[in-house]
Amino acid sequence: QVQLVESGGGLVQAGGSLRLSCAASGSIFSRSAMGWHRQAPGKQRELVAHITSGVSITIYGDSVKGRFTISRDNANNTVYLQMNSLKPDDTAIYYCWLGGSSGDYWGRGTRVTVSS
């Protein structure tokens, strides 16, 4: 059973930074792609960033390229999202995602609010 627990959300002013963390239980972390998605009020959930297993190839949503950085620590089963130059449009609930061979897993989300 895989469990994902996010942390690090909060309230920040525009232009500020936050670092999200997602701790995963289970033994499949190092073999799995990981990522972050977000959902703003009244909008569909969208991709923020993904990172593959192995060589850790990263992809980013267009709206966060150049501002956000995803990374992973396989020794500690944790994936991070460093968010810089935050904008009010980044306000959303951020969900951790794990793509395993048996399916997708999601965390419960952490709220990020960016004030103008």
C-alpha atoms as a PDB file:
ATOM      1  CA  GLN A   1       0.000   0.000   0.000  1.00  0.00           C
ATOM      2  CA  VAL A   2       1.389   3.372  -1.034  1.00  0.00           C
ATOM      3  CA  GLN A   3       0.677   6.482   0.993  1.00  0.00           C
ATOM      4  CA  LEU A   4       1.729   9.988   0.028  1.00  0.00           C
ATOM      5  CA  VAL A   5       1.820  12.814   2.558  1.00  0.00           C
ATOM      6  CA  GLU A   6       2.416  16.378   1.424  1.00  0.00           C
ATOM      7  CA  SER A   7       3.717  19.229   3.541  1.00  0.00           C
ATOM      8  CA  GLY A   8       5.061  22.747   3.144  1.00  0.00           C
ATOM      9  CA  GLY A   9       2.032  24.620   1.883  1.00  0.00           C
ATOM     10  CA  GLY A  10       0.932  27.923   3.314  1.00  0.00           C
ATOM     11  CA  LEU A  11       0.372  31.595   2.701  1.00  0.00           C
ATOM     12  CA  VAL A  12       3.048  33.631   0.921  1.00  0.00           C
ATOM     13  CA  GLN A  13       3.218  37.014  -0.756  1.00  0.00           C
ATOM     14  CA  ALA A  14       3.654  37.330  -4.487  1.00  0.00           C
ATOM     15  CA  GLY A  15       7.308  37.017  -5.414  1.00  0.00           C
ATOM     16  CA  GLY A  16       8.029  34.752  -2.484  1.00  0.00           C
ATOM     17  CA  SER A  17       9.052  31.105  -2.308  1.00  0.00           C
ATOM     18  CA  LEU A  18       7.804  27.875  -0.818  1.00  0.00           C
ATOM     19  CA  ARG A  19       9.141  24.333  -0.796  1.00  0.00           C
ATOM     20  CA  LEU A  20       6.700  21.460  -0.847  1.00  0.00           C
ATOM     21  CA  SER A  21       7.627  17.964   0.274  1.00  0.00           C
ATOM     22  CA  CYS A  22       5.938  14.643  -0.319  1.00  0.00           C
ATOM     23  CA  ALA A  23       6.911  11.638   1.747  1.00  0.00           C
ATOM     24  CA  ALA A  24       5.990   8.250   0.328  1.00  0.00           C
ATOM     25  CA  SER A  25       5.554   4.983   2.141  1.00  0.00           C
ATOM     26  CA  GLY A  26       6.042   1.655   0.465  1.00  0.00           C
ATOM     27  CA  SER A  27       8.916   0.104  -1.411  1.00  0.00           C
ATOM     28  CA  ILE A  28       8.203   1.255  -4.960  1.00  0.00           C
ATOM     29  CA  PHE A  29       9.294   4.878  -4.666  1.00  0.00           C
ATOM     30  CA  SER A  30      12.682   4.569  -6.353  1.00  0.00           C
ATOM     31  CA  ARG A  31      11.181   2.692  -9.307  1.00  0.00           C
ATOM     32  CA  SER A  32       8.300   5.115  -9.819  1.00  0.00           C
ATOM     33  CA  ALA A  33       7.760   8.398 -11.541  1.00  0.00           C
ATOM     34  CA  MET A  34       6.745  11.148  -9.133  1.00  0.00           C
ATOM     35  CA  GLY A  35       5.153  14.496  -9.601  1.00  0.00           C
ATOM     36  CA  TRP A  36       2.987  17.376  -8.537  1.00  0.00           C
ATOM     37  CA  HIS A  37      -0.345  18.497  -9.875  1.00  0.00           C
ATOM     38  CA  ARG A  38      -2.503  21.374  -8.703  1.00  0.00           C
ATOM     39  CA  GLN A  39      -6.121  22.384  -8.720  1.00  0.00           C
ATOM     40  CA  ALA A  40      -7.293  25.944  -8.331  1.00  0.00           C
ATOM     41  CA  PRO A  41     -10.877  26.803  -7.359  1.00  0.00           C
ATOM     42  CA  GLY A  42     -13.211  26.292 -10.295  1.00  0.00           C
ATOM     43  CA  LYS A  43     -10.486  24.845 -12.501  1.00  0.00           C
ATOM     44  CA  GLN A  44      -9.379  21.404 -13.589  1.00  0.00           C
ATOM     45  CA  ARG A  45      -6.400  19.688 -12.028  1.00  0.00           C
ATOM     46  CA  GLU A  46      -3.262  20.425 -14.040  1.00  0.00           C
ATOM     47  CA  LEU A  47       0.267  19.132 -14.283  1.00  0.00           C
ATOM     48  CA  VAL A  48       2.883  21.127 -12.414  1.00  0.00           C
ATOM     49  CA  ALA A  49       5.945  18.890 -12.694  1.00  0.00           C
ATOM     50  CA  HIS A  50       6.972  15.267 -13.097  1.00  0.00           C
ATOM     51  CA  ILE A  51      10.268  13.503 -12.465  1.00  0.00           C
ATOM     52  CA  THR A  52      11.091  10.033 -13.717  1.00  0.00           C
ATOM     53  CA  SER A  53      12.783   7.237 -11.839  1.00  0.00           C
ATOM     54  CA  GLY A  54      16.364   6.346 -12.710  1.00  0.00           C
ATOM     55  CA  VAL A  55      17.945   9.313 -14.499  1.00  0.00           C
ATOM     56  CA  SER A  56      15.341  11.755 -13.100  1.00  0.00           C
ATOM     57  CA  ILE A  57      14.162  13.397 -16.273  1.00  0.00           C
ATOM     58  CA  THR A  58      11.897  16.333 -15.452  1.00  0.00           C
ATOM     59  CA  ILE A  59       8.982  17.962 -17.230  1.00  0.00           C
ATOM     60  CA  TYR A  60       7.076  21.080 -16.234  1.00  0.00           C
ATOM     61  CA  GLY A  61       3.784  22.717 -16.995  1.00  0.00           C
ATOM     62  CA  ASP A  62       4.169  25.801 -19.152  1.00  0.00           C
ATOM     63  CA  SER A  63       2.943  28.139 -16.440  1.00  0.00           C
ATOM     64  CA  VAL A  64       5.688  27.157 -13.979  1.00  0.00           C
ATOM     65  CA  LYS A  65       8.709  26.671 -16.239  1.00  0.00           C
ATOM     66  CA  GLY A  66      11.705  28.610 -15.005  1.00  0.00           C
ATOM     67  CA  ARG A  67      10.151  29.224 -11.585  1.00  0.00           C
ATOM     68  CA  PHE A  68       9.552  25.766 -10.089  1.00  0.00           C
ATOM     69  CA  THR A  69      12.017  22.901  -9.640  1.00  0.00           C
ATOM     70  CA  ILE A  70      11.148  19.300  -8.873  1.00  0.00           C
ATOM     71  CA  SER A  71      13.652  16.937  -7.263  1.00  0.00           C
ATOM     72  CA  ARG A  72      13.658  13.594  -5.514  1.00  0.00           C
ATOM     73  CA  ASP A  73      15.553  11.885  -2.719  1.00  0.00           C
ATOM     74  CA  ASN A  74      15.258   8.156  -3.208  1.00  0.00           C
ATOM     75  CA  ALA A  75      17.092   7.382   0.031  1.00  0.00           C
ATOM     76  CA  ASN A  76      14.322   9.127   1.955  1.00  0.00           C
ATOM     77  CA  ASN A  77      11.375   8.354  -0.346  1.00  0.00           C
ATOM     78  CA  THR A  78      10.679  12.052  -0.755  1.00  0.00           C
ATOM     79  CA  VAL A  79       9.938  14.323  -3.679  1.00  0.00           C
ATOM     80  CA  TYR A  80      10.238  18.090  -3.447  1.00  0.00           C
ATOM     81  CA  LEU A  81       8.860  21.061  -5.312  1.00  0.00           C
ATOM     82  CA  GLN A  82      10.787  24.308  -4.946  1.00  0.00           C
ATOM     83  CA  MET A  83       8.532  27.179  -5.955  1.00  0.00           C
ATOM     84  CA  ASN A  84      10.078  30.594  -6.580  1.00  0.00           C
ATOM     85  CA  SER A  85       8.687  33.881  -7.870  1.00  0.00           C
ATOM     86  CA  LEU A  86       5.215  32.835  -6.816  1.00  0.00           C
ATOM     87  CA  LYS A  87       2.221  34.550  -8.363  1.00  0.00           C
ATOM     88  CA  PRO A  88      -1.396  34.825  -7.217  1.00  0.00           C
ATOM     89  CA  ASP A  89      -2.282  32.474 -10.101  1.00  0.00           C
ATOM     90  CA  ASP A  90      -0.252  29.766  -8.369  1.00  0.00           C
ATOM     91  CA  THR A  91      -2.873  29.645  -5.613  1.00  0.00           C
ATOM     92  CA  ALA A  92      -4.200  26.077  -5.539  1.00  0.00           C
ATOM     93  CA  ILE A  93      -4.191  22.791  -3.721  1.00  0.00           C
ATOM     94  CA  TYR A  94      -1.045  20.921  -4.692  1.00  0.00           C
ATOM     95  CA  TYR A  95      -1.243  17.141  -4.934  1.00  0.00           C
ATOM     96  CA  CYS A  96       1.622  14.696  -4.900  1.00  0.00           C
ATOM     97  CA  TRP A  97       1.453  11.911  -7.495  1.00  0.00           C
ATOM     98  CA  LEU A  98       3.202   8.566  -7.844  1.00  0.00           C
ATOM     99  CA  GLY A  99       3.017   6.609 -11.071  1.00  0.00           C
ATOM    100  CA  GLY A 100       3.605   2.968 -10.290  1.00  0.00           C
ATOM    101  CA  SER A 101       3.348  -0.213 -12.336  1.00  0.00           C
ATOM    102  CA  SER A 102       0.084  -1.020 -10.574  1.00  0.00           C
ATOM    103  CA  GLY A 103      -1.456   2.395 -11.060  1.00  0.00           C
ATOM    104  CA  ASP A 104      -1.505   5.996  -9.936  1.00  0.00           C
ATOM    105  CA  TYR A 105      -1.451   7.148  -6.331  1.00  0.00           C
ATOM    106  CA  TRP A 106      -2.352  10.574  -4.964  1.00  0.00           C
ATOM    107  CA  GLY A 107      -1.796  12.457  -1.751  1.00  0.00           C
ATOM    108  CA  ARG A 108      -4.515  14.430  -0.033  1.00  0.00           C
ATOM    109  CA  GLY A 109      -3.035  17.764  -1.038  1.00  0.00           C
ATOM    110  CA  THR A 110      -1.504  20.811   0.564  1.00  0.00           C
ATOM    111  CA  ARG A 111      -2.894  24.301   0.085  1.00  0.00           C
ATOM    112  CA  VAL A 112      -0.787  27.109  -1.327  1.00  0.00           C
ATOM    113  CA  THR A 113      -2.128  30.638  -1.215  1.00  0.00           C
ATOM    114  CA  VAL A 114      -0.264  33.507  -2.858  1.00  0.00           C
ATOM    115  CA  SER A 115      -1.406  36.993  -1.932  1.00  0.00           C
ATOM    116  CA  SER A 116      -0.966  39.996  -4.200  1.00  0.00           C
END
